[in-house]
Amino acid sequence: MATGCAKNSDCTPVLNEDCFYPMVVDPVCGCDGNTYMNSGEAGCYGIMEFTAGACS
């Protein structure tokens, strides 16, 4: 996981439309600077580096 929420230019979200994730609200801040509903949603966008909580 990333140590901060700073936007990373090497971190580009690309949705895998065949990906499914639980509808649990547990926000994470992706390395792309976007807030995702949970780590599963971030993973479906190919975001593997994130921190707990919403981006500020």
Protein backbone atom coordinates (compact mmCIF):
# COMPACT_ATOMS: atom_id res chain seq x y z
CA MET A 1 0.00 0.00 0.00
CA ALA A 2 1.10 3.55 -0.64
CA THR A 3 2.23 5.72 2.22
CA GLY A 4 0.27 8.78 1.09
CA CYS A 5 -2.51 10.02 -1.10
CA ALA A 6 -0.37 12.10 -3.45
CA LYS A 7 -1.32 11.60 -7.07
CA ASN A 8 1.18 9.36 -8.85
CA SER A 9 1.60 9.94 -12.58
CA ASP A 10 2.44 6.24 -13.09
CA CYS A 11 -0.87 5.20 -11.53
CA THR A 12 -3.61 5.20 -14.18
CA PRO A 13 -7.01 3.61 -13.46
CA VAL A 14 -8.30 1.21 -16.12
CA LEU A 15 -11.57 -0.57 -15.32
CA ASN A 16 -11.63 -4.33 -15.81
CA GLU A 17 -15.32 -4.70 -16.73
CA ASP A 18 -15.30 -8.42 -15.83
CA CYS A 19 -14.20 -7.62 -12.27
CA PHE A 20 -16.60 -7.81 -9.32
CA TYR A 21 -16.13 -6.52 -5.77
CA PRO A 22 -18.27 -6.47 -2.59
CA MET A 23 -20.55 -3.46 -2.07
CA VAL A 24 -18.96 -2.66 1.29
CA VAL A 25 -18.26 0.98 2.12
CA ASP A 26 -14.65 1.09 3.37
CA PRO A 27 -13.09 3.98 1.38
CA VAL A 28 -9.52 3.91 0.17
CA CYS A 29 -7.44 6.62 -1.50
CA GLY A 30 -5.79 5.31 -4.65
CA CYS A 31 -2.34 6.27 -5.86
CA ASP A 32 -4.16 8.09 -8.68
CA GLY A 33 -5.69 10.55 -6.19
CA ASN A 34 -9.23 9.12 -6.49
CA THR A 35 -11.36 7.76 -3.66
CA TYR A 36 -12.73 4.24 -4.20
CA MET A 37 -15.60 2.62 -2.25
CA ASN A 38 -13.23 -0.13 -1.05
CA SER A 39 -10.01 -1.91 -1.94
CA GLY A 40 -11.94 -4.31 -4.19
CA GLU A 41 -13.20 -1.46 -6.37
CA ALA A 42 -9.68 0.01 -6.50
CA GLY A 43 -8.37 -3.39 -7.60
CA CYS A 44 -10.98 -3.59 -10.36
CA TYR A 45 -9.51 -0.35 -11.69
CA GLY A 46 -5.99 -1.81 -11.49
CA ILE A 47 -5.09 0.39 -8.50
CA MET A 48 -2.95 -1.74 -6.22
CA GLU A 49 -1.40 1.09 -4.16
CA PHE A 50 -3.76 2.91 -1.82
CA THR A 51 -4.20 4.15 1.74
CA ALA A 52 -7.15 3.64 4.06
CA GLY A 53 -9.73 6.42 4.02
CA ALA A 54 -10.99 8.87 1.46
CA CYS A 55 -8.65 11.17 -0.43
CA SER A 56 -8.57 14.72 0.84
